[in-house]
Every structure is written in structure tokens, then in C-alpha cells.
Amino acid sequence: MCNLYSNTLPPETMRQLFGVEASADRLGNAEPLTAIFPKGTAPIVRPDEDGGRVLENTHWGFVLPQVSKRTGKPIQPKAVNNARDDKLCSSPFWKSSFAERRCLVPATSFCEAKGRSPATYVWFGLDGPEARPPFAFAGVWRGFKGNYGGEQRDLVTSSIVTTTPNALTRETHPDRMPCILDPDDYETWLTGTPDAAFALIAPFPAERMVIHQQGETLKSDRGGLDS
């Protein structure tokens, strides 16, 4: 699973990497995001109605309404920020979003915690000549309108698809890792058939990845900002 990642890319770099026109950039004056947690701001790239691509901010996590087991009254909704690959085509919670609303989630690294009290935070990313080579997770998105945190909200929400781990990430998280897409597969993920998109979900090759840093106090990844 993935509950923490970073995206330190400037908007203009994201536009170039993901084929977004300047007029379709809705991020505004976006700052580098060294630590994106569930319910935080998560930029995505998605198709627009005219066949182009939009770059916009989302709420990381599909909103799942909840009720109190004790009183039966509504309580704070849950933000479901990971979409398991084995649930995408069968669960009503994910099925329509996977079929109709897939997106790219730009990133520069992601973190998994190993152990407890204290945990070691292990930051993974791609190998390459840059300090933090950019990449994109496979994602899904949908809108939400309703009561959230005691107020009426109108949100675009997103979630990252997870799959089985590769040899590098398995040492830290033996069950899941986020699905990283090869750039050649971006268009198929965004606009291909559900079957074609599902075929892209696989562990990213371990030999193309590295551990950028790890430690007990590393709840953000600023490594790419100083290089």
C-alpha cells in the first residue's frame, strides 16, 4: 500500500512530461509537495472532454461515508487512498471509476514504513541521472459532493492503484506496492479499454528502482530539492 509520497515537480515540468497544455493547468502557483498524506492535496493528470489532458489538484482518497457503530449516526468519512488491483473490476466502490475515470498521479518518490516504535521510513523511487526522476502512478478519480468534516464539500478525489510488490519493495512491505506506469503506457491507461488498462498493472521492475533514503525521522522527502 502507499500512504505517503512526494511530488516536487514544478507545474511546467509536469505539463511537459504528461502532455498538458498550459491552458489546461489548474494547479495555480503550486509549491513542491515533499510529503503527501491521505486527505492531502494530490495533483493528477486526466483526460478532458475534448481529447486533451487536464492537470489539477485532488483530495487524495475516495470519500467513504461511515456511521457510528454505537449510535448509528454519520461520523467523519474515511478517505480510501489505495485501490487494490484485485478489487478494481469487481468492487462497486471502484468498478465505474476504473472503467471510466482513470488518471496519472505524478510523483518523485514514495514511502513505506518498516517496523514500529520507532518505524523506519523508506523512500523509493526510480533510478536515473536526476536526484529524483519523475514518474506516474496508475490512478483513478471521481467527484464527491456532501458533508465532509462537518461542512458541505465539492471535491475531486483520487486513489492510487496498488499491486503485488517487487523484490526491492517487498523487504519493507511484503504485501503491496503502488503501480508505477511506464511512460509508453500513459495513453493506454488514460484512454484504453478497461482490459487494456488492467493488463498494465504489474510490479515495476526492481532493477529500475532505488531506495533514495531511509531513517526514523524521514516523514518527508526533500532530497530532490537541493540537487
C-alpha atoms as a PDB file:
ATOM      1  CA  MET A   1       0.000   0.000   0.000  1.00  0.00           C
ATOM      2  CA  CYS A   2       1.051   3.621  -0.179  1.00  0.00           C
ATOM      3  CA  ASN A   3       0.136   6.193   2.465  1.00  0.00           C
ATOM      4  CA  LEU A   4       2.870   8.751   1.796  1.00  0.00           C
ATOM      5  CA  TYR A   5       4.581  10.048  -1.331  1.00  0.00           C
ATOM      6  CA  SER A   6       6.176  13.192  -2.721  1.00  0.00           C
ATOM      7  CA  ASN A   7       5.756  15.277  -5.846  1.00  0.00           C
ATOM      8  CA  THR A   8       8.356  18.048  -6.037  1.00  0.00           C
ATOM      9  CA  LEU A   9       7.852  18.702  -9.756  1.00  0.00           C
ATOM     10  CA  PRO A  10       7.118  22.263 -10.889  1.00  0.00           C
ATOM     11  CA  PRO A  11       3.832  22.577 -12.805  1.00  0.00           C
ATOM     12  CA  GLU A  12       5.625  23.430 -16.053  1.00  0.00           C
ATOM     13  CA  THR A  13       7.656  20.218 -15.772  1.00  0.00           C
ATOM     14  CA  MET A  14       4.505  18.188 -15.207  1.00  0.00           C
ATOM     15  CA  ARG A  15       2.894  19.798 -18.244  1.00  0.00           C
ATOM     16  CA  GLN A  16       5.861  18.820 -20.409  1.00  0.00           C
ATOM     17  CA  LEU A  17       6.135  15.291 -19.061  1.00  0.00           C
ATOM     18  CA  PHE A  18       2.454  14.449 -19.286  1.00  0.00           C
ATOM     19  CA  GLY A  19       1.392  16.355 -22.399  1.00  0.00           C
ATOM     20  CA  VAL A  20      -0.796  19.018 -20.792  1.00  0.00           C
ATOM     21  CA  GLU A  21      -1.419  22.394 -22.454  1.00  0.00           C
ATOM     22  CA  ALA A  22      -0.781  25.475 -20.309  1.00  0.00           C
ATOM     23  CA  SER A  23      -4.455  26.413 -20.602  1.00  0.00           C
ATOM     24  CA  ALA A  24      -5.407  23.061 -19.025  1.00  0.00           C
ATOM     25  CA  ASP A  25      -3.129  23.508 -15.993  1.00  0.00           C
ATOM     26  CA  ARG A  26      -5.390  24.126 -12.986  1.00  0.00           C
ATOM     27  CA  LEU A  27      -2.740  23.890 -10.264  1.00  0.00           C
ATOM     28  CA  GLY A  28      -2.040  27.601  -9.925  1.00  0.00           C
ATOM     29  CA  ASN A  29       1.136  28.533  -8.045  1.00  0.00           C
ATOM     30  CA  ALA A  30       1.825  25.009  -6.821  1.00  0.00           C
ATOM     31  CA  GLU A  31       4.606  24.507  -4.285  1.00  0.00           C
ATOM     32  CA  PRO A  32       6.802  21.367  -4.117  1.00  0.00           C
ATOM     33  CA  LEU A  33       4.995  18.666  -2.156  1.00  0.00           C
ATOM     34  CA  THR A  34       7.607  16.771  -0.127  1.00  0.00           C
ATOM     35  CA  ALA A  35       5.049  14.773   1.879  1.00  0.00           C
ATOM     36  CA  ILE A  36       1.567  13.943   0.570  1.00  0.00           C
ATOM     37  CA  PHE A  37      -0.554  12.079   3.112  1.00  0.00           C
ATOM     38  CA  PRO A  38      -4.105  10.682   2.759  1.00  0.00           C
ATOM     39  CA  LYS A  39      -6.664  13.529   2.631  1.00  0.00           C
ATOM     40  CA  GLY A  40      -3.898  15.811   1.321  1.00  0.00           C
ATOM     41  CA  THR A  41      -3.563  17.641  -1.995  1.00  0.00           C
ATOM     42  CA  ALA A  42      -2.641  15.280  -4.831  1.00  0.00           C
ATOM     43  CA  PRO A  43      -2.108  16.585  -8.390  1.00  0.00           C
ATOM     44  CA  ILE A  44      -3.354  14.290 -11.157  1.00  0.00           C
ATOM     45  CA  VAL A  45      -3.438  14.206 -14.949  1.00  0.00           C
ATOM     46  CA  ARG A  46      -6.706  13.062 -16.517  1.00  0.00           C
ATOM     47  CA  PRO A  47      -8.368  13.223 -19.934  1.00  0.00           C
ATOM     48  CA  ASP A  48     -10.663  16.146 -20.637  1.00  0.00           C
ATOM     49  CA  GLU A  49     -13.863  16.171 -22.650  1.00  0.00           C
ATOM     50  CA  ASP A  50     -12.091  17.316 -25.837  1.00  0.00           C
ATOM     51  CA  GLY A  51      -9.446  14.607 -26.009  1.00  0.00           C
ATOM     52  CA  GLY A  52      -6.709  16.597 -24.271  1.00  0.00           C
ATOM     53  CA  ARG A  53      -5.351  16.290 -20.740  1.00  0.00           C
ATOM     54  CA  VAL A  54      -6.037  18.290 -17.585  1.00  0.00           C
ATOM     55  CA  LEU A  55      -3.625  18.835 -14.686  1.00  0.00           C
ATOM     56  CA  GLU A  56      -5.495  19.519 -11.454  1.00  0.00           C
ATOM     57  CA  ASN A  57      -5.376  19.107  -7.696  1.00  0.00           C
ATOM     58  CA  THR A  58      -7.440  16.436  -5.984  1.00  0.00           C
ATOM     59  CA  HIS A  59      -8.205  15.199  -2.485  1.00  0.00           C
ATOM     60  CA  TRP A  60      -6.138  12.037  -2.013  1.00  0.00           C
ATOM     61  CA  GLY A  61      -8.643   9.378  -1.067  1.00  0.00           C
ATOM     62  CA  PHE A  62     -12.117   8.413  -2.257  1.00  0.00           C
ATOM     63  CA  VAL A  63     -14.624   9.514   0.359  1.00  0.00           C
ATOM     64  CA  LEU A  64     -16.333   6.580   2.075  1.00  0.00           C
ATOM     65  CA  PRO A  65     -19.266   7.624   4.314  1.00  0.00           C
ATOM     66  CA  GLN A  66     -19.326   5.970   7.729  1.00  0.00           C
ATOM     67  CA  VAL A  67     -21.771   5.666  10.616  1.00  0.00           C
ATOM     68  CA  SER A  68     -21.097   5.121  14.285  1.00  0.00           C
ATOM     69  CA  LYS A  69     -21.465   1.511  15.402  1.00  0.00           C
ATOM     70  CA  ARG A  70     -22.680   2.832  18.748  1.00  0.00           C
ATOM     71  CA  THR A  71     -25.193   5.473  17.698  1.00  0.00           C
ATOM     72  CA  GLY A  72     -25.882   4.717  14.048  1.00  0.00           C
ATOM     73  CA  LYS A  73     -25.281   8.380  13.196  1.00  0.00           C
ATOM     74  CA  PRO A  74     -22.926   9.624  10.466  1.00  0.00           C
ATOM     75  CA  ILE A  75     -19.311  10.169  11.523  1.00  0.00           C
ATOM     76  CA  GLN A  76     -16.236  11.506   9.741  1.00  0.00           C
ATOM     77  CA  PRO A  77     -15.958   9.775   6.342  1.00  0.00           C
ATOM     78  CA  LYS A  78     -12.935   7.650   5.571  1.00  0.00           C
ATOM     79  CA  ALA A  79     -10.529   8.572   2.759  1.00  0.00           C
ATOM     80  CA  VAL A  80      -9.654   5.413   0.805  1.00  0.00           C
ATOM     81  CA  ASN A  81      -6.386   6.315  -0.890  1.00  0.00           C
ATOM     82  CA  ASN A  82      -5.351   2.903  -2.256  1.00  0.00           C
ATOM     83  CA  ALA A  83      -7.281   0.857  -4.826  1.00  0.00           C
ATOM     84  CA  ARG A  84      -6.247  -2.801  -4.841  1.00  0.00           C
ATOM     85  CA  ASP A  85      -5.828  -4.281  -8.319  1.00  0.00           C
ATOM     86  CA  ASP A  86      -7.840  -7.363  -7.333  1.00  0.00           C
ATOM     87  CA  LYS A  87     -10.840  -5.154  -6.467  1.00  0.00           C
ATOM     88  CA  LEU A  88     -10.886  -2.762  -9.420  1.00  0.00           C
ATOM     89  CA  CYS A  89     -13.118  -4.801 -11.682  1.00  0.00           C
ATOM     90  CA  SER A  90     -15.393  -6.368  -9.071  1.00  0.00           C
ATOM     91  CA  SER A  91     -15.992  -3.936  -6.210  1.00  0.00           C
ATOM     92  CA  PRO A  92     -18.849  -1.430  -6.727  1.00  0.00           C
ATOM     93  CA  PHE A  93     -16.685   1.088  -4.873  1.00  0.00           C
ATOM     94  CA  TRP A  94     -14.043   1.054  -7.645  1.00  0.00           C
ATOM     95  CA  LYS A  95     -15.594  -0.517 -10.734  1.00  0.00           C
ATOM     96  CA  SER A  96     -17.054   2.512 -12.511  1.00  0.00           C
ATOM     97  CA  SER A  97     -14.041   4.712 -11.751  1.00  0.00           C
ATOM     98  CA  PHE A  98     -11.661   2.133 -13.184  1.00  0.00           C
ATOM     99  CA  ALA A  99     -13.804   1.730 -16.293  1.00  0.00           C
ATOM    100  CA  GLU A 100     -14.428   5.439 -16.893  1.00  0.00           C
ATOM    101  CA  ARG A 101     -12.145   7.678 -14.799  1.00  0.00           C
ATOM    102  CA  ARG A 102      -8.507   6.646 -14.833  1.00  0.00           C
ATOM    103  CA  CYS A 103      -5.723   9.143 -14.202  1.00  0.00           C
ATOM    104  CA  LEU A 104      -1.967   9.551 -13.788  1.00  0.00           C
ATOM    105  CA  VAL A 105      -0.632  10.556 -10.366  1.00  0.00           C
ATOM    106  CA  PRO A 106       2.714  12.366 -10.810  1.00  0.00           C
ATOM    107  CA  ALA A 107       5.348  11.601  -8.174  1.00  0.00           C
ATOM    108  CA  THR A 108       9.055  11.796  -7.407  1.00  0.00           C
ATOM    109  CA  SER A 109       9.216   9.196  -4.611  1.00  0.00           C
ATOM    110  CA  PHE A 110       7.024   7.138  -2.301  1.00  0.00           C
ATOM    111  CA  CYS A 111       7.446   5.926   1.256  1.00  0.00           C
ATOM    112  CA  GLU A 112       6.726   2.731   3.131  1.00  0.00           C
ATOM    113  CA  ALA A 113       7.171   2.384   6.892  1.00  0.00           C
ATOM    114  CA  LYS A 114       9.040  -0.616   8.246  1.00  0.00           C
ATOM    115  CA  GLY A 115       8.564  -1.741  11.836  1.00  0.00           C
ATOM    116  CA  ARG A 116       7.050   0.175  14.743  1.00  0.00           C
ATOM    117  CA  SER A 117       8.092   2.211  17.767  1.00  0.00           C
ATOM    118  CA  PRO A 118      10.062   3.590  16.062  1.00  0.00           C
ATOM    119  CA  ALA A 119       9.297   2.926  12.405  1.00  0.00           C
ATOM    120  CA  THR A 120      11.900   3.318   9.699  1.00  0.00           C
ATOM    121  CA  TYR A 121      10.654   5.368   6.749  1.00  0.00           C
ATOM    122  CA  VAL A 122      11.974   4.004   3.452  1.00  0.00           C
ATOM    123  CA  TRP A 123      11.708   6.273   0.397  1.00  0.00           C
ATOM    124  CA  PHE A 124      11.630   4.541  -3.001  1.00  0.00           C
ATOM    125  CA  GLY A 125      11.944   5.990  -6.472  1.00  0.00           C
ATOM    126  CA  LEU A 126      13.328   5.431  -9.929  1.00  0.00           C
ATOM    127  CA  ASP A 127      16.981   5.040 -10.832  1.00  0.00           C
ATOM    128  CA  GLY A 128      18.434   7.641 -13.166  1.00  0.00           C
ATOM    129  CA  PRO A 129      20.775  10.610 -13.578  1.00  0.00           C
ATOM    130  CA  GLU A 130      18.477  13.018 -11.725  1.00  0.00           C
ATOM    131  CA  ALA A 131      18.175  13.235  -7.942  1.00  0.00           C
ATOM    132  CA  ARG A 132      14.525  12.190  -8.088  1.00  0.00           C
ATOM    133  CA  PRO A 133      13.499  11.054 -11.594  1.00  0.00           C
ATOM    134  CA  PRO A 134       9.778  11.726 -12.081  1.00  0.00           C
ATOM    135  CA  PHE A 135       7.217   9.001 -12.689  1.00  0.00           C
ATOM    136  CA  ALA A 136       3.472   8.411 -12.501  1.00  0.00           C
ATOM    137  CA  PHE A 137       1.322   6.022 -10.524  1.00  0.00           C
ATOM    138  CA  ALA A 138      -1.739   4.421 -12.072  1.00  0.00           C
ATOM    139  CA  GLY A 139      -4.711   6.163 -10.505  1.00  0.00           C
ATOM    140  CA  VAL A 140      -8.473   6.537 -10.558  1.00  0.00           C
ATOM    141  CA  TRP A 141     -10.626   9.556  -9.708  1.00  0.00           C
ATOM    142  CA  ARG A 142     -14.217  10.578  -9.044  1.00  0.00           C
ATOM    143  CA  GLY A 143     -16.224  13.504  -7.730  1.00  0.00           C
ATOM    144  CA  PHE A 144     -17.712  13.839  -4.264  1.00  0.00           C
ATOM    145  CA  LYS A 145     -20.447  16.169  -3.040  1.00  0.00           C
ATOM    146  CA  GLY A 146     -21.700  16.017   0.504  1.00  0.00           C
ATOM    147  CA  ASN A 147     -20.958  16.514   4.166  1.00  0.00           C
ATOM    148  CA  TYR A 148     -17.305  16.049   4.975  1.00  0.00           C
ATOM    149  CA  GLY A 149     -15.781  17.151   8.249  1.00  0.00           C
ATOM    150  CA  GLY A 150     -18.929  18.975   9.283  1.00  0.00           C
ATOM    151  CA  GLU A 151     -19.272  21.049   6.121  1.00  0.00           C
ATOM    152  CA  GLN A 152     -20.593  20.609   2.599  1.00  0.00           C
ATOM    153  CA  ARG A 153     -17.755  19.856   0.195  1.00  0.00           C
ATOM    154  CA  ASP A 154     -17.493  19.582  -3.580  1.00  0.00           C
ATOM    155  CA  LEU A 155     -14.326  17.630  -4.311  1.00  0.00           C
ATOM    156  CA  VAL A 156     -12.428  15.787  -6.997  1.00  0.00           C
ATOM    157  CA  THR A 157     -10.936  12.770  -5.243  1.00  0.00           C
ATOM    158  CA  SER A 158      -8.246  10.324  -6.355  1.00  0.00           C
ATOM    159  CA  SER A 159      -6.774   6.988  -5.348  1.00  0.00           C
ATOM    160  CA  ILE A 160      -3.578   5.133  -6.298  1.00  0.00           C
ATOM    161  CA  VAL A 161      -3.758   1.601  -7.690  1.00  0.00           C
ATOM    162  CA  THR A 162      -1.694  -0.951  -5.777  1.00  0.00           C
ATOM    163  CA  THR A 163      -0.371  -4.341  -6.848  1.00  0.00           C
ATOM    164  CA  THR A 164       1.960  -7.063  -5.597  1.00  0.00           C
ATOM    165  CA  PRO A 165       5.424  -5.840  -4.532  1.00  0.00           C
ATOM    166  CA  ASN A 166       8.669  -6.323  -6.418  1.00  0.00           C
ATOM    167  CA  ALA A 167      11.849  -7.678  -4.842  1.00  0.00           C
ATOM    168  CA  LEU A 168      13.046  -4.229  -3.714  1.00  0.00           C
ATOM    169  CA  THR A 169       9.861  -3.055  -2.002  1.00  0.00           C
ATOM    170  CA  ARG A 170       8.965  -6.475  -0.582  1.00  0.00           C
ATOM    171  CA  GLU A 171      11.705  -6.124   2.013  1.00  0.00           C
ATOM    172  CA  THR A 172       9.766  -3.217   3.534  1.00  0.00           C
ATOM    173  CA  HIS A 173       6.151  -4.015   2.630  1.00  0.00           C
ATOM    174  CA  PRO A 174       5.579  -7.694   1.837  1.00  0.00           C
ATOM    175  CA  ASP A 175       2.019  -7.323   0.567  1.00  0.00           C
ATOM    176  CA  ARG A 176       1.529  -4.323  -1.747  1.00  0.00           C
ATOM    177  CA  MET A 177       3.251  -1.563  -3.710  1.00  0.00           C
ATOM    178  CA  PRO A 178       1.841   1.288  -5.800  1.00  0.00           C
ATOM    179  CA  CYS A 179       1.555   0.583  -9.523  1.00  0.00           C
ATOM    180  CA  ILE A 180       4.116   2.671 -11.423  1.00  0.00           C
ATOM    181  CA  LEU A 181       3.449   3.065 -15.142  1.00  0.00           C
ATOM    182  CA  ASP A 182       5.966   3.134 -17.957  1.00  0.00           C
ATOM    183  CA  PRO A 183       5.643   6.409 -19.929  1.00  0.00           C
ATOM    184  CA  ASP A 184       4.851   4.449 -23.086  1.00  0.00           C
ATOM    185  CA  ASP A 185       1.719   3.185 -21.337  1.00  0.00           C
ATOM    186  CA  TYR A 186       0.285   6.518 -20.162  1.00  0.00           C
ATOM    187  CA  GLU A 187      -2.133   6.918 -23.049  1.00  0.00           C
ATOM    188  CA  THR A 188      -3.419   3.352 -22.793  1.00  0.00           C
ATOM    189  CA  TRP A 189      -4.012   3.778 -19.078  1.00  0.00           C
ATOM    190  CA  LEU A 190      -5.904   7.029 -19.613  1.00  0.00           C
ATOM    191  CA  THR A 191      -7.992   6.167 -22.651  1.00  0.00           C
ATOM    192  CA  GLY A 192      -7.657   2.458 -23.445  1.00  0.00           C
ATOM    193  CA  THR A 193     -10.264  -0.183 -22.771  1.00  0.00           C
ATOM    194  CA  PRO A 194     -10.537  -1.490 -19.212  1.00  0.00           C
ATOM    195  CA  ASP A 195      -8.985  -4.776 -20.336  1.00  0.00           C
ATOM    196  CA  ALA A 196      -6.035  -2.998 -21.932  1.00  0.00           C
ATOM    197  CA  ALA A 197      -5.565  -0.801 -18.871  1.00  0.00           C
ATOM    198  CA  PHE A 198      -5.787  -3.725 -16.461  1.00  0.00           C
ATOM    199  CA  ALA A 199      -3.046  -5.530 -18.391  1.00  0.00           C
ATOM    200  CA  LEU A 200      -0.651  -2.709 -17.428  1.00  0.00           C
ATOM    201  CA  ILE A 201      -0.983  -3.337 -13.686  1.00  0.00           C
ATOM    202  CA  ALA A 202       2.152  -5.142 -12.542  1.00  0.00           C
ATOM    203  CA  PRO A 203       5.073  -4.674 -10.144  1.00  0.00           C
ATOM    204  CA  PHE A 204       7.511  -2.153 -11.584  1.00  0.00           C
ATOM    205  CA  PRO A 205      10.895  -3.765 -12.365  1.00  0.00           C
ATOM    206  CA  ALA A 206      13.015  -3.724  -9.213  1.00  0.00           C
ATOM    207  CA  GLU A 207      16.209  -3.172 -11.210  1.00  0.00           C
ATOM    208  CA  ARG A 208      14.854   0.196 -12.383  1.00  0.00           C
ATOM    209  CA  MET A 209      14.209   1.392  -8.827  1.00  0.00           C
ATOM    210  CA  VAL A 210      16.323   2.576  -5.891  1.00  0.00           C
ATOM    211  CA  ILE A 211      15.967   3.459  -2.234  1.00  0.00           C
ATOM    212  CA  HIS A 212      16.613   7.197  -2.050  1.00  0.00           C
ATOM    213  CA  GLN A 213      16.846   7.431   1.709  1.00  0.00           C
ATOM    214  CA  GLN A 214      15.652   5.778   4.912  1.00  0.00           C
ATOM    215  CA  GLY A 215      15.516   6.675   8.575  1.00  0.00           C
ATOM    216  CA  GLU A 216      13.343   7.011  11.658  1.00  0.00           C
ATOM    217  CA  THR A 217      12.550  10.710  11.225  1.00  0.00           C
ATOM    218  CA  LEU A 218      12.061  10.905   7.444  1.00  0.00           C
ATOM    219  CA  LYS A 219       8.358  11.670   7.077  1.00  0.00           C
ATOM    220  CA  SER A 220       9.084  13.883   4.068  1.00  0.00           C
ATOM    221  CA  ASP A 221      11.423  13.634   1.114  1.00  0.00           C
ATOM    222  CA  ARG A 222      13.322  16.843   0.438  1.00  0.00           C
ATOM    223  CA  GLY A 223      16.243  15.127  -1.275  1.00  0.00           C
ATOM    224  CA  GLY A 224      15.277  16.219  -4.745  1.00  0.00           C
ATOM    225  CA  LEU A 225      15.011  19.906  -3.841  1.00  0.00           C
ATOM    226  CA  ASP A 226      18.650  20.558  -3.082  1.00  0.00           C
ATOM    227  CA  SER A 227      20.227  18.933  -6.121  1.00  0.00           C
END
